[in-house]
PDB file of N, CA and C in Angstrom:
ATOM      1  N   MET A   1     -76.108 -35.708   0.981  1.00  0.00           N
ATOM      2  CA  MET A   1     -76.236 -35.871   2.418  1.00  0.00           C
ATOM      3  C   MET A   1     -75.839 -37.289   2.849  1.00  0.00           C
ATOM      4  N   GLN A   2     -76.327 -38.289   2.085  1.00  0.00           N
ATOM      5  CA  GLN A   2     -75.975 -39.670   2.422  1.00  0.00           C
ATOM      6  C   GLN A   2     -74.472 -39.894   2.311  1.00  0.00           C
ATOM      7  N   ASN A   3     -73.865 -39.286   1.312  1.00  0.00           N
ATOM      8  CA  ASN A   3     -72.416 -39.433   1.150  1.00  0.00           C
ATOM      9  C   ASN A   3     -71.662 -38.822   2.326  1.00  0.00           C
ATOM     10  N   LEU A   4     -72.161 -37.702   2.827  1.00  0.00           N
ATOM     11  CA  LEU A   4     -71.537 -37.064   3.984  1.00  0.00           C
ATOM     12  C   LEU A   4     -71.635 -37.971   5.208  1.00  0.00           C
ATOM     13  N   ILE A   5     -72.811 -38.545   5.423  1.00  0.00           N
ATOM     14  CA  ILE A   5     -73.005 -39.446   6.566  1.00  0.00           C
ATOM     15  C   ILE A   5     -72.095 -40.664   6.436  1.00  0.00           C
ATOM     16  N   ARG A   6     -72.025 -41.245   5.245  1.00  0.00           N
ATOM     17  CA  ARG A   6     -71.144 -42.403   5.027  1.00  0.00           C
ATOM     18  C   ARG A   6     -69.685 -42.033   5.301  1.00  0.00           C
ATOM     19  N   ALA A   7     -69.279 -40.874   4.843  1.00  0.00           N
ATOM     20  CA  ALA A   7     -67.896 -40.434   5.051  1.00  0.00           C
ATOM     21  C   ALA A   7     -67.601 -40.254   6.539  1.00  0.00           C
ATOM     22  N   LEU A   8     -68.531 -39.657   7.260  1.00  0.00           N
ATOM     23  CA  LEU A   8     -68.341 -39.459   8.702  1.00  0.00           C
ATOM     24  C   LEU A   8     -68.296 -40.787   9.441  1.00  0.00           C
ATOM     25  N   LEU A   9     -69.199 -41.700   9.100  1.00  0.00           N
ATOM     26  CA  LEU A   9     -69.206 -43.013   9.752  1.00  0.00           C
ATOM     27  C   LEU A   9     -67.942 -43.792   9.427  1.00  0.00           C
ATOM     28  N   GLY A  10     -67.520 -43.747   8.182  1.00  0.00           N
ATOM     29  CA  GLY A  10     -66.292 -44.431   7.786  1.00  0.00           C
ATOM     30  C   GLY A  10     -65.087 -43.889   8.530  1.00  0.00           C
ATOM     31  N   GLY A  11     -65.008 -42.579   8.666  1.00  0.00           N
ATOM     32  CA  GLY A  11     -63.914 -41.961   9.403  1.00  0.00           C
ATOM     33  C   GLY A  11     -63.933 -42.332  10.870  1.00  0.00           C
ATOM     34  N   SER A  12     -65.121 -42.411  11.453  1.00  0.00           N
ATOM     35  CA  SER A  12     -65.251 -42.800  12.859  1.00  0.00           C
ATOM     36  C   SER A  12     -64.776 -44.225  13.069  1.00  0.00           C
ATOM     37  N   MET A  13     -65.147 -45.130  12.162  1.00  0.00           N
ATOM     38  CA  MET A  13     -64.727 -46.525  12.281  1.00  0.00           C
ATOM     39  C   MET A  13     -63.215 -46.641  12.133  1.00  0.00           C
ATOM     40  N   LEU A  14     -62.641 -45.890  11.228  1.00  0.00           N
ATOM     41  CA  LEU A  14     -61.197 -45.907  11.045  1.00  0.00           C
ATOM     42  C   LEU A  14     -60.500 -45.415  12.304  1.00  0.00           C
ATOM     43  N   LEU A  15     -61.006 -44.365  12.906  1.00  0.00           N
ATOM     44  CA  LEU A  15     -60.429 -43.827  14.134  1.00  0.00           C
ATOM     45  C   LEU A  15     -60.525 -44.839  15.265  1.00  0.00           C
ATOM     46  N   LEU A  16     -61.675 -45.497  15.411  1.00  0.00           N
ATOM     47  CA  LEU A  16     -61.832 -46.509  16.453  1.00  0.00           C
ATOM     48  C   LEU A  16     -60.864 -47.659  16.242  1.00  0.00           C
ATOM     49  N   THR A  17     -60.700 -48.092  15.019  1.00  0.00           N
ATOM     50  CA  THR A  17     -59.774 -49.173  14.719  1.00  0.00           C
ATOM     51  C   THR A  17     -58.343 -48.750  15.014  1.00  0.00           C
ATOM     52  N   ALA A  18     -57.989 -47.531  14.679  1.00  0.00           N
ATOM     53  CA  ALA A  18     -56.632 -47.044  14.901  1.00  0.00           C
ATOM     54  C   ALA A  18     -56.319 -46.904  16.390  1.00  0.00           C
ATOM     55  N   CYS A  19     -57.307 -46.653  17.226  1.00  0.00           N
ATOM     56  CA  CYS A  19     -57.103 -46.452  18.656  1.00  0.00           C
ATOM     57  C   CYS A  19     -57.002 -47.766  19.427  1.00  0.00           C
ATOM     58  N   ARG A  20     -57.454 -48.860  18.834  1.00  0.00           N
ATOM     59  CA  ARG A  20     -57.451 -50.147  19.519  1.00  0.00           C
ATOM     60  C   ARG A  20     -56.026 -50.696  19.557  1.00  0.00           C
ATOM     61  N   PRO A  21     -55.561 -51.125  20.740  1.00  0.00           N
ATOM     62  CA  PRO A  21     -54.220 -51.705  20.815  1.00  0.00           C
ATOM     63  C   PRO A  21     -54.133 -52.963  19.949  1.00  0.00           C
ATOM     64  N   ASN A  22     -52.931 -53.243  19.433  1.00  0.00           N
ATOM     65  CA  ASN A  22     -52.787 -54.456  18.638  1.00  0.00           C
ATOM     66  C   ASN A  22     -52.680 -55.673  19.557  1.00  0.00           C
ATOM     67  N   THR A  23     -52.713 -56.840  18.964  1.00  0.00           N
ATOM     68  CA  THR A  23     -52.742 -58.088  19.735  1.00  0.00           C
ATOM     69  C   THR A  23     -51.526 -58.209  20.642  1.00  0.00           C
ATOM     70  N   GLN A  24     -50.353 -57.868  20.138  1.00  0.00           N
ATOM     71  CA  GLN A  24     -49.146 -57.971  20.955  1.00  0.00           C
ATOM     72  C   GLN A  24     -49.234 -57.061  22.178  1.00  0.00           C
ATOM     73  N   GLU A  25     -49.715 -55.848  22.004  1.00  0.00           N
ATOM     74  CA  GLU A  25     -49.858 -54.924  23.138  1.00  0.00           C
ATOM     75  C   GLU A  25     -50.835 -55.475  24.170  1.00  0.00           C
ATOM     76  N   LEU A  26     -51.915 -56.105  23.716  1.00  0.00           N
ATOM     77  CA  LEU A  26     -52.892 -56.676  24.647  1.00  0.00           C
ATOM     78  C   LEU A  26     -52.300 -57.846  25.425  1.00  0.00           C
ATOM     79  N   VAL A  27     -51.452 -58.651  24.781  1.00  0.00           N
ATOM     80  CA  VAL A  27     -50.794 -59.761  25.479  1.00  0.00           C
ATOM     81  C   VAL A  27     -49.765 -59.216  26.467  1.00  0.00           C
ATOM     82  N   GLN A  28     -49.099 -58.122  26.121  1.00  0.00           N
ATOM     83  CA  GLN A  28     -48.114 -57.520  27.017  1.00  0.00           C
ATOM     84  C   GLN A  28     -48.766 -56.862  28.226  1.00  0.00           C
ATOM     85  N   GLN A  29     -50.040 -56.490  28.108  1.00  0.00           N
ATOM     86  CA  GLN A  29     -50.770 -55.836  29.197  1.00  0.00           C
ATOM     87  C   GLN A  29     -52.057 -56.611  29.479  1.00  0.00           C
ATOM     88  N   PRO A  30     -51.935 -57.859  29.953  1.00  0.00           N
ATOM     89  CA  PRO A  30     -53.126 -58.692  30.134  1.00  0.00           C
ATOM     90  C   PRO A  30     -54.035 -58.165  31.236  1.00  0.00           C
ATOM     91  N   GLN A  31     -55.307 -58.472  31.093  1.00  0.00           N
ATOM     92  CA  GLN A  31     -56.305 -58.155  32.110  1.00  0.00           C
ATOM     93  C   GLN A  31     -57.104 -59.417  32.397  1.00  0.00           C
ATOM     94  N   VAL A  32     -57.492 -59.581  33.652  1.00  0.00           N
ATOM     95  CA  VAL A  32     -58.351 -60.708  34.003  1.00  0.00           C
ATOM     96  C   VAL A  32     -59.608 -60.630  33.144  1.00  0.00           C
ATOM     97  N   GLY A  33     -59.968 -61.766  32.543  1.00  0.00           N
ATOM     98  CA  GLY A  33     -61.141 -61.815  31.677  1.00  0.00           C
ATOM     99  C   GLY A  33     -60.814 -61.739  30.197  1.00  0.00           C
ATOM    100  N   ASP A  34     -59.585 -61.321  29.846  1.00  0.00           N
ATOM    101  CA  ASP A  34     -59.188 -61.354  28.438  1.00  0.00           C
ATOM    102  C   ASP A  34     -59.319 -62.782  27.929  1.00  0.00           C
ATOM    103  N   VAL A  35     -59.664 -62.924  26.659  1.00  0.00           N
ATOM    104  CA  VAL A  35     -59.718 -64.244  26.037  1.00  0.00           C
ATOM    105  C   VAL A  35     -58.725 -64.256  24.882  1.00  0.00           C
ATOM    106  N   TYR A  36     -57.760 -65.168  24.979  1.00  0.00           N
ATOM    107  CA  TYR A  36     -56.775 -65.349  23.917  1.00  0.00           C
ATOM    108  C   TYR A  36     -57.349 -66.341  22.918  1.00  0.00           C
ATOM    109  N   VAL A  37     -57.346 -65.972  21.656  1.00  0.00           N
ATOM    110  CA  VAL A  37     -57.867 -66.823  20.588  1.00  0.00           C
ATOM    111  C   VAL A  37     -56.674 -67.381  19.816  1.00  0.00           C
ATOM    112  N   VAL A  38     -56.511 -68.700  19.876  1.00  0.00           N
ATOM    113  CA  VAL A  38     -55.402 -69.372  19.204  1.00  0.00           C
ATOM    114  C   VAL A  38     -55.951 -70.146  18.012  1.00  0.00           C
ATOM    115  N   GLN A  39     -55.516 -69.750  16.830  1.00  0.00           N
ATOM    116  CA  GLN A  39     -55.942 -70.429  15.601  1.00  0.00           C
ATOM    117  C   GLN A  39     -55.031 -71.628  15.358  1.00  0.00           C
ATOM    118  N   PHE A  40     -55.620 -72.741  14.942  1.00  0.00           N
ATOM    119  CA  PHE A  40     -54.830 -73.912  14.576  1.00  0.00           C
ATOM    120  C   PHE A  40     -55.531 -74.635  13.437  1.00  0.00           C
ATOM    121  N   GLN A  41     -54.774 -75.429  12.701  1.00  0.00           N
ATOM    122  CA  GLN A  41     -55.349 -76.192  11.597  1.00  0.00           C
ATOM    123  C   GLN A  41     -54.675 -77.556  11.559  1.00  0.00           C
ATOM    124  N   PRO A  42     -55.384 -78.578  12.075  1.00  0.00           N
ATOM    125  CA  PRO A  42     -54.798 -79.919  12.065  1.00  0.00           C
ATOM    126  C   PRO A  42     -54.502 -80.377  10.633  1.00  0.00           C
ATOM    127  N   PRO A  43     -53.485 -81.219  10.466  1.00  0.00           N
ATOM    128  CA  PRO A  43     -53.169 -81.722   9.132  1.00  0.00           C
ATOM    129  C   PRO A  43     -54.405 -82.365   8.491  1.00  0.00           C
ATOM    130  N   GLY A  44     -54.654 -82.023   7.240  1.00  0.00           N
ATOM    131  CA  GLY A  44     -55.779 -82.590   6.509  1.00  0.00           C
ATOM    132  C   GLY A  44     -57.104 -81.891   6.734  1.00  0.00           C
ATOM    133  N   SER A  45     -57.148 -80.962   7.672  1.00  0.00           N
ATOM    134  CA  SER A  45     -58.387 -80.231   7.941  1.00  0.00           C
ATOM    135  C   SER A  45     -58.537 -79.108   6.915  1.00  0.00           C
ATOM    136  N   PRO A  46     -59.743 -78.947   6.338  1.00  0.00           N
ATOM    137  CA  PRO A  46     -59.912 -77.919   5.315  1.00  0.00           C
ATOM    138  C   PRO A  46     -59.960 -76.491   5.862  1.00  0.00           C
ATOM    139  N   LYS A  47     -60.326 -76.336   7.132  1.00  0.00           N
ATOM    140  CA  LYS A  47     -60.482 -74.996   7.712  1.00  0.00           C
ATOM    141  C   LYS A  47     -59.793 -74.918   9.061  1.00  0.00           C
ATOM    142  N   PRO A  48     -59.327 -73.736   9.422  1.00  0.00           N
ATOM    143  CA  PRO A  48     -58.771 -73.583  10.770  1.00  0.00           C
ATOM    144  C   PRO A  48     -59.874 -73.637  11.827  1.00  0.00           C
ATOM    145  N   GLN A  49     -59.459 -73.954  13.045  1.00  0.00           N
ATOM    146  CA  GLN A  49     -60.332 -73.920  14.217  1.00  0.00           C
ATOM    147  C   GLN A  49     -59.661 -73.008  15.240  1.00  0.00           C
ATOM    148  N   PHE A  50     -60.338 -72.821  16.365  1.00  0.00           N
ATOM    149  CA  PHE A  50     -59.827 -71.879  17.353  1.00  0.00           C
ATOM    150  C   PHE A  50     -59.932 -72.461  18.759  1.00  0.00           C
ATOM    151  N   TYR A  51     -58.827 -72.390  19.502  1.00  0.00           N
ATOM    152  CA  TYR A  51     -58.830 -72.677  20.930  1.00  0.00           C
ATOM    153  C   TYR A  51     -58.961 -71.340  21.649  1.00  0.00           C
ATOM    154  N   LEU A  52     -59.693 -71.340  22.740  1.00  0.00           N
ATOM    155  CA  LEU A  52     -59.874 -70.124  23.531  1.00  0.00           C
ATOM    156  C   LEU A  52     -59.263 -70.327  24.912  1.00  0.00           C
ATOM    157  N   TYR A  53     -58.571 -69.319  25.398  1.00  0.00           N
ATOM    158  CA  TYR A  53     -57.958 -69.342  26.722  1.00  0.00           C
ATOM    159  C   TYR A  53     -58.341 -68.061  27.448  1.00  0.00           C
ATOM    160  N   ARG A  54     -58.834 -68.200  28.668  1.00  0.00           N
ATOM    161  CA  ARG A  54     -59.258 -67.038  29.459  1.00  0.00           C
ATOM    162  C   ARG A  54     -58.189 -66.699  30.482  1.00  0.00           C
ATOM    163  N   VAL A  55     -57.853 -65.416  30.590  1.00  0.00           N
ATOM    164  CA  VAL A  55     -56.895 -64.960  31.601  1.00  0.00           C
ATOM    165  C   VAL A  55     -57.613 -64.954  32.948  1.00  0.00           C
ATOM    166  N   GLN A  56     -57.122 -65.784  33.871  1.00  0.00           N
ATOM    167  CA  GLN A  56     -57.722 -65.912  35.202  1.00  0.00           C
ATOM    168  C   GLN A  56     -57.049 -65.010  36.228  1.00  0.00           C
ATOM    169  N   THR A  57     -55.714 -64.979  36.172  1.00  0.00           N
ATOM    170  CA  THR A  57     -54.931 -64.225  37.154  1.00  0.00           C
ATOM    171  C   THR A  57     -53.776 -63.542  36.432  1.00  0.00           C
ATOM    172  N   VAL A  58     -53.488 -62.320  36.831  1.00  0.00           N
ATOM    173  CA  VAL A  58     -52.352 -61.581  36.272  1.00  0.00           C
ATOM    174  C   VAL A  58     -51.417 -61.231  37.427  1.00  0.00           C
ATOM    175  N   ARG A  59     -50.156 -61.610  37.273  1.00  0.00           N
ATOM    176  CA  ARG A  59     -49.115 -61.261  38.234  1.00  0.00           C
ATOM    177  C   ARG A  59     -48.012 -60.518  37.480  1.00  0.00           C
ATOM    178  N   PRO A  60     -47.085 -59.887  38.195  1.00  0.00           N
ATOM    179  CA  PRO A  60     -46.041 -59.122  37.500  1.00  0.00           C
ATOM    180  C   PRO A  60     -45.251 -59.939  36.467  1.00  0.00           C
ATOM    181  N   GLU A  61     -44.987 -61.207  36.736  1.00  0.00           N
ATOM    182  CA  GLU A  61     -44.157 -62.012  35.832  1.00  0.00           C
ATOM    183  C   GLU A  61     -44.914 -63.129  35.122  1.00  0.00           C
ATOM    184  N   THR A  62     -46.159 -63.415  35.543  1.00  0.00           N
ATOM    185  CA  THR A  62     -46.888 -64.558  34.980  1.00  0.00           C
ATOM    186  C   THR A  62     -48.361 -64.237  34.767  1.00  0.00           C
ATOM    187  N   VAL A  63     -49.006 -65.084  33.963  1.00  0.00           N
ATOM    188  CA  VAL A  63     -50.460 -65.051  33.802  1.00  0.00           C
ATOM    189  C   VAL A  63     -50.971 -66.481  33.915  1.00  0.00           C
ATOM    190  N   ASP A  64     -52.140 -66.643  34.530  1.00  0.00           N
ATOM    191  CA  ASP A  64     -52.798 -67.942  34.606  1.00  0.00           C
ATOM    192  C   ASP A  64     -53.904 -67.978  33.569  1.00  0.00           C
ATOM    193  N   LEU A  65     -53.902 -69.033  32.742  1.00  0.00           N
ATOM    194  CA  LEU A  65     -54.897 -69.198  31.690  1.00  0.00           C
ATOM    195  C   LEU A  65     -55.694 -70.471  31.919  1.00  0.00           C
ATOM    196  N   THR A  66     -56.982 -70.421  31.583  1.00  0.00           N
ATOM    197  CA  THR A  66     -57.812 -71.622  31.563  1.00  0.00           C
ATOM    198  C   THR A  66     -58.301 -71.815  30.139  1.00  0.00           C
ATOM    199  N   ALA A  67     -58.266 -73.060  29.686  1.00  0.00           N
ATOM    200  CA  ALA A  67     -58.662 -73.372  28.311  1.00  0.00           C
ATOM    201  C   ALA A  67     -60.161 -73.612  28.230  1.00  0.00           C
ATOM    202  N   ALA A  68     -60.723 -73.291  27.075  1.00  0.00           N
ATOM    203  CA  ALA A  68     -62.123 -73.637  26.817  1.00  0.00           C
ATOM    204  C   ALA A  68     -62.227 -75.160  26.795  1.00  0.00           C
ATOM    205  N   ARG A  69     -63.412 -75.654  27.086  1.00  0.00           N
ATOM    206  CA  ARG A  69     -63.612 -77.100  27.146  1.00  0.00           C
ATOM    207  C   ARG A  69     -63.456 -77.769  25.784  1.00  0.00           C
ATOM    208  N   GLN A  70     -63.690 -77.025  24.712  1.00  0.00           N
ATOM    209  CA  GLN A  70     -63.518 -77.574  23.361  1.00  0.00           C
ATOM    210  C   GLN A  70     -63.227 -76.438  22.389  1.00  0.00           C
ATOM    211  N   PRO A  71     -62.589 -76.753  21.257  1.00  0.00           N
ATOM    212  CA  PRO A  71     -62.328 -75.706  20.265  1.00  0.00           C
ATOM    213  C   PRO A  71     -63.617 -75.248  19.601  1.00  0.00           C
ATOM    214  N   VAL A  72     -63.546 -74.091  18.967  1.00  0.00           N
ATOM    215  CA  VAL A  72     -64.707 -73.552  18.248  1.00  0.00           C
ATOM    216  C   VAL A  72     -64.352 -73.424  16.767  1.00  0.00           C
ATOM    217  N   PRO A  73     -65.351 -73.568  15.877  1.00  0.00           N
ATOM    218  CA  PRO A  73     -65.074 -73.540  14.445  1.00  0.00           C
ATOM    219  C   PRO A  73     -64.927 -72.133  13.852  1.00  0.00           C
ATOM    220  N   GLU A  74     -65.395 -71.123  14.563  1.00  0.00           N
ATOM    221  CA  GLU A  74     -65.367 -69.748  14.041  1.00  0.00           C
ATOM    222  C   GLU A  74     -64.729 -68.821  15.065  1.00  0.00           C
ATOM    223  N   LEU A  75     -64.122 -67.765  14.579  1.00  0.00           N
ATOM    224  CA  LEU A  75     -63.552 -66.746  15.452  1.00  0.00           C
ATOM    225  C   LEU A  75     -64.689 -66.032  16.170  1.00  0.00           C
ATOM    226  N   PRO A  76     -64.745 -66.081  17.512  1.00  0.00           N
ATOM    227  CA  PRO A  76     -65.845 -65.424  18.219  1.00  0.00           C
ATOM    228  C   PRO A  76     -65.733 -63.903  18.149  1.00  0.00           C
ATOM    229  N   ALA A  77     -66.877 -63.242  18.167  1.00  0.00           N
ATOM    230  CA  ALA A  77     -66.914 -61.779  18.105  1.00  0.00           C
ATOM    231  C   ALA A  77     -66.749 -61.147  19.486  1.00  0.00           C
ATOM    232  N   ALA A  78     -67.103 -61.895  20.522  1.00  0.00           N
ATOM    233  CA  ALA A  78     -67.049 -61.376  21.890  1.00  0.00           C
ATOM    234  C   ALA A  78     -66.564 -62.490  22.818  1.00  0.00           C
ATOM    235  N   PRO A  79     -66.033 -62.129  23.981  1.00  0.00           N
ATOM    236  CA  PRO A  79     -65.596 -63.165  24.920  1.00  0.00           C
ATOM    237  C   PRO A  79     -66.761 -64.061  25.337  1.00  0.00           C
ATOM    238  N   PRO A  80     -66.570 -65.379  25.315  1.00  0.00           N
ATOM    239  CA  PRO A  80     -67.632 -66.279  25.752  1.00  0.00           C
ATOM    240  C   PRO A  80     -67.793 -66.251  27.270  1.00  0.00           C
ATOM    241  N   ALA A  81     -68.879 -66.817  27.735  1.00  0.00           N
ATOM    242  CA  ALA A  81     -69.179 -66.860  29.167  1.00  0.00           C
ATOM    243  C   ALA A  81     -68.103 -67.652  29.915  1.00  0.00           C
ATOM    244  N   PRO A  82     -67.815 -67.279  31.164  1.00  0.00           N
ATOM    245  CA  PRO A  82     -66.805 -67.995  31.950  1.00  0.00           C
ATOM    246  C   PRO A  82     -67.071 -69.499  32.066  1.00  0.00           C
ATOM    247  N   ALA A  83     -68.323 -69.927  32.027  1.00  0.00           N
ATOM    248  CA  ALA A  83     -68.647 -71.354  32.141  1.00  0.00           C
ATOM    249  C   ALA A  83     -68.126 -72.158  30.951  1.00  0.00           C
ATOM    250  N   THR A  84     -67.740 -71.490  29.880  1.00  0.00           N
ATOM    251  CA  THR A  84     -67.188 -72.148  28.694  1.00  0.00           C
ATOM    252  C   THR A  84     -65.824 -72.771  28.991  1.00  0.00           C
ATOM    253  N   PHE A  85     -65.154 -72.297  30.031  1.00  0.00           N
ATOM    254  CA  PHE A  85     -63.773 -72.672  30.295  1.00  0.00           C
ATOM    255  C   PHE A  85     -63.672 -73.706  31.404  1.00  0.00           C
ATOM    256  N   SER A  86     -62.622 -74.517  31.332  1.00  0.00           N
ATOM    257  CA  SER A  86     -62.379 -75.530  32.353  1.00  0.00           C
ATOM    258  C   SER A  86     -61.930 -74.853  33.648  1.00  0.00           C
ATOM    259  N   THR A  87     -61.767 -75.652  34.671  1.00  0.00           N
ATOM    260  CA  THR A  87     -61.295 -75.115  35.948  1.00  0.00           C
ATOM    261  C   THR A  87     -59.794 -75.345  36.129  1.00  0.00           C
ATOM    262  N   THR A  88     -59.169 -76.024  35.182  1.00  0.00           N
ATOM    263  CA  THR A  88     -57.735 -76.281  35.237  1.00  0.00           C
ATOM    264  C   THR A  88     -56.974 -75.053  34.749  1.00  0.00           C
ATOM    265  N   THR A  89     -56.018 -74.613  35.554  1.00  0.00           N
ATOM    266  CA  THR A  89     -55.253 -73.409  35.238  1.00  0.00           C
ATOM    267  C   THR A  89     -53.832 -73.778  34.826  1.00  0.00           C
ATOM    268  N   GLU A  90     -53.334 -73.117  33.789  1.00  0.00           N
ATOM    269  CA  GLU A  90     -51.942 -73.259  33.370  1.00  0.00           C
ATOM    270  C   GLU A  90     -51.264 -71.904  33.534  1.00  0.00           C
ATOM    271  N   THR A  91     -50.083 -71.906  34.122  1.00  0.00           N
ATOM    272  CA  THR A  91     -49.347 -70.664  34.341  1.00  0.00           C
ATOM    273  C   THR A  91     -48.315 -70.472  33.237  1.00  0.00           C
ATOM    274  N   TYR A  92     -48.307 -69.281  32.658  1.00  0.00           N
ATOM    275  CA  TYR A  92     -47.347 -68.899  31.623  1.00  0.00           C
ATOM    276  C   TYR A  92     -46.566 -67.691  32.116  1.00  0.00           C
ATOM    277  N   THR A  93     -45.264 -67.671  31.835  1.00  0.00           N
ATOM    278  CA  THR A  93     -44.522 -66.441  32.075  1.00  0.00           C
ATOM    279  C   THR A  93     -44.978 -65.430  31.026  1.00  0.00           C
ATOM    280  N   ARG A  94     -44.690 -64.170  31.251  1.00  0.00           N
ATOM    281  CA  ARG A  94     -45.052 -63.153  30.256  1.00  0.00           C
ATOM    282  C   ARG A  94     -44.363 -63.450  28.919  1.00  0.00           C
ATOM    283  N   ALA A  95     -43.113 -63.915  28.970  1.00  0.00           N
ATOM    284  CA  ALA A  95     -42.384 -64.241  27.735  1.00  0.00           C
ATOM    285  C   ALA A  95     -43.046 -65.411  27.010  1.00  0.00           C
ATOM    286  N   GLU A  96     -43.467 -66.434  27.755  1.00  0.00           N
ATOM    287  CA  GLU A  96     -44.150 -67.575  27.129  1.00  0.00           C
ATOM    288  C   GLU A  96     -45.466 -67.146  26.497  1.00  0.00           C
ATOM    289  N   ALA A  97     -46.183 -66.255  27.151  1.00  0.00           N
ATOM    290  CA  ALA A  97     -47.445 -65.764  26.584  1.00  0.00           C
ATOM    291  C   ALA A  97     -47.186 -65.041  25.264  1.00  0.00           C
ATOM    292  N   LEU A  98     -46.123 -64.253  25.205  1.00  0.00           N
ATOM    293  CA  LEU A  98     -45.783 -63.561  23.953  1.00  0.00           C
ATOM    294  C   LEU A  98     -45.392 -64.543  22.847  1.00  0.00           C
ATOM    295  N   GLU A  99     -44.786 -65.666  23.225  1.00  0.00           N
ATOM    296  CA  GLU A  99     -44.406 -66.678  22.232  1.00  0.00           C
ATOM    297  C   GLU A  99     -45.624 -67.287  21.545  1.00  0.00           C
ATOM    298  N   LEU A 100     -46.791 -67.213  22.181  1.00  0.00           N
ATOM    299  CA  LEU A 100     -48.009 -67.747  21.568  1.00  0.00           C
ATOM    300  C   LEU A 100     -48.367 -67.002  20.283  1.00  0.00           C
ATOM    301  N   LEU A 101     -47.842 -65.794  20.120  1.00  0.00           N
ATOM    302  CA  LEU A 101     -48.129 -65.001  18.920  1.00  0.00           C
ATOM    303  C   LEU A 101     -47.457 -65.566  17.667  1.00  0.00           C
ATOM    304  N   GLN A 102     -46.441 -66.389  17.860  1.00  0.00           N
ATOM    305  CA  GLN A 102     -45.683 -66.934  16.730  1.00  0.00           C
ATOM    306  C   GLN A 102     -45.910 -68.435  16.620  1.00  0.00           C
ATOM    307  N   GLU A 103     -46.073 -68.904  15.403  1.00  0.00           N
ATOM    308  CA  GLU A 103     -46.140 -70.344  15.167  1.00  0.00           C
ATOM    309  C   GLU A 103     -44.779 -70.936  15.513  1.00  0.00           C
ATOM    310  N   GLN A 104     -44.787 -72.006  16.293  1.00  0.00           N
ATOM    311  CA  GLN A 104     -43.535 -72.626  16.704  1.00  0.00           C
ATOM    312  C   GLN A 104     -43.029 -73.575  15.622  1.00  0.00           C
ATOM    313  N   SER A 105     -41.751 -73.597  15.426  1.00  0.00           N
ATOM    314  CA  SER A 105     -41.155 -74.453  14.404  1.00  0.00           C
ATOM    315  C   SER A 105     -41.510 -75.912  14.673  1.00  0.00           C
ATOM    316  N   GLY A 106     -41.934 -76.605  13.628  1.00  0.00           N
ATOM    317  CA  GLY A 106     -42.296 -78.013  13.744  1.00  0.00           C
ATOM    318  C   GLY A 106     -43.720 -78.271  14.198  1.00  0.00           C
ATOM    319  N   ASP A 107     -44.489 -77.234  14.469  1.00  0.00           N
ATOM    320  CA  ASP A 107     -45.876 -77.407  14.921  1.00  0.00           C
ATOM    321  C   ASP A 107     -46.745 -77.808  13.730  1.00  0.00           C
ATOM    322  N   VAL A 108     -47.182 -79.067  13.712  1.00  0.00           N
ATOM    323  CA  VAL A 108     -47.983 -79.559  12.580  1.00  0.00           C
ATOM    324  C   VAL A 108     -49.378 -78.947  12.552  1.00  0.00           C
ATOM    325  N   ASN A 109     -49.822 -78.371  13.672  1.00  0.00           N
ATOM    326  CA  ASN A 109     -51.143 -77.730  13.726  1.00  0.00           C
ATOM    327  C   ASN A 109     -51.092 -76.243  13.375  1.00  0.00           C
ATOM    328  N   HIS A 110     -49.886 -75.700  13.219  1.00  0.00           N
ATOM    329  CA  HIS A 110     -49.706 -74.287  12.849  1.00  0.00           C
ATOM    330  C   HIS A 110     -50.450 -73.347  13.814  1.00  0.00           C
ATOM    331  N   ALA A 111     -50.354 -73.628  15.106  1.00  0.00           N
ATOM    332  CA  ALA A 111     -51.074 -72.848  16.119  1.00  0.00           C
ATOM    333  C   ALA A 111     -50.366 -71.526  16.399  1.00  0.00           C
ATOM    334  N   ARG A 112     -51.181 -70.469  16.530  1.00  0.00           N
ATOM    335  CA  ARG A 112     -50.655 -69.166  16.960  1.00  0.00           C
ATOM    336  C   ARG A 112     -51.809 -68.306  17.451  1.00  0.00           C
ATOM    337  N   LEU A 113     -51.497 -67.450  18.407  1.00  0.00           N
ATOM    338  CA  LEU A 113     -52.488 -66.532  18.966  1.00  0.00           C
ATOM    339  C   LEU A 113     -52.769 -65.448  17.928  1.00  0.00           C
ATOM    340  N   VAL A 114     -54.048 -65.280  17.573  1.00  0.00           N
ATOM    341  CA  VAL A 114     -54.399 -64.331  16.510  1.00  0.00           C
ATOM    342  C   VAL A 114     -55.258 -63.162  16.985  1.00  0.00           C
ATOM    343  N   GLU A 115     -55.823 -63.262  18.192  1.00  0.00           N
ATOM    344  CA  GLU A 115     -56.737 -62.207  18.651  1.00  0.00           C
ATOM    345  C   GLU A 115     -56.839 -62.251  20.168  1.00  0.00           C
ATOM    346  N   VAL A 116     -57.049 -61.100  20.764  1.00  0.00           N
ATOM    347  CA  VAL A 116     -57.382 -61.005  22.188  1.00  0.00           C
ATOM    348  C   VAL A 116     -58.732 -60.319  22.273  1.00  0.00           C
ATOM    349  N   LEU A 117     -59.680 -61.003  22.899  1.00  0.00           N
ATOM    350  CA  LEU A 117     -61.014 -60.431  23.099  1.00  0.00           C
ATOM    351  C   LEU A 117     -61.053 -59.815  24.482  1.00  0.00           C
ATOM    352  N   ARG A 118     -61.427 -58.566  24.544  1.00  0.00           N
ATOM    353  CA  ARG A 118     -61.451 -57.856  25.828  1.00  0.00           C
ATOM    354  C   ARG A 118     -62.815 -57.231  26.012  1.00  0.00           C
TER     355      ARG A 118
END
C-alpha cells in the first residue's frame, strides 16, 4: 500500500513539473509580480549569490524591472515581498530580457537568469 501511495505521489509530482513552463517561456510571457532570479559569482567567491528583479510593468515591447535592495545568498523558494525591491525602475526590451538567460561574453561575475518565481 505504501509503495502504491509513493508511486502515485511521485507520478503527480512529475506531472506537475512537466506542466510548468520553462524559464525561457516565463521570460517570453512576463507577468507583473514575476521575480527574475539572476545567479552570479564574483571572482574569488566560493559560492554563487543571487540578484532578484521584480517585473513592475509589462508592455507589448518592454518590461520594467526593479532590483532588490541587496543580493541574497540562497535561491528563494517563493517571490519575496514587494518591499524587498527598490523604487528605481529599469526598462528592458523583450529581447534584452531574453538575453539575461545567457551569460554574456567577458562577464567576470558569470551572471545569468536562472529562475522565474511566479
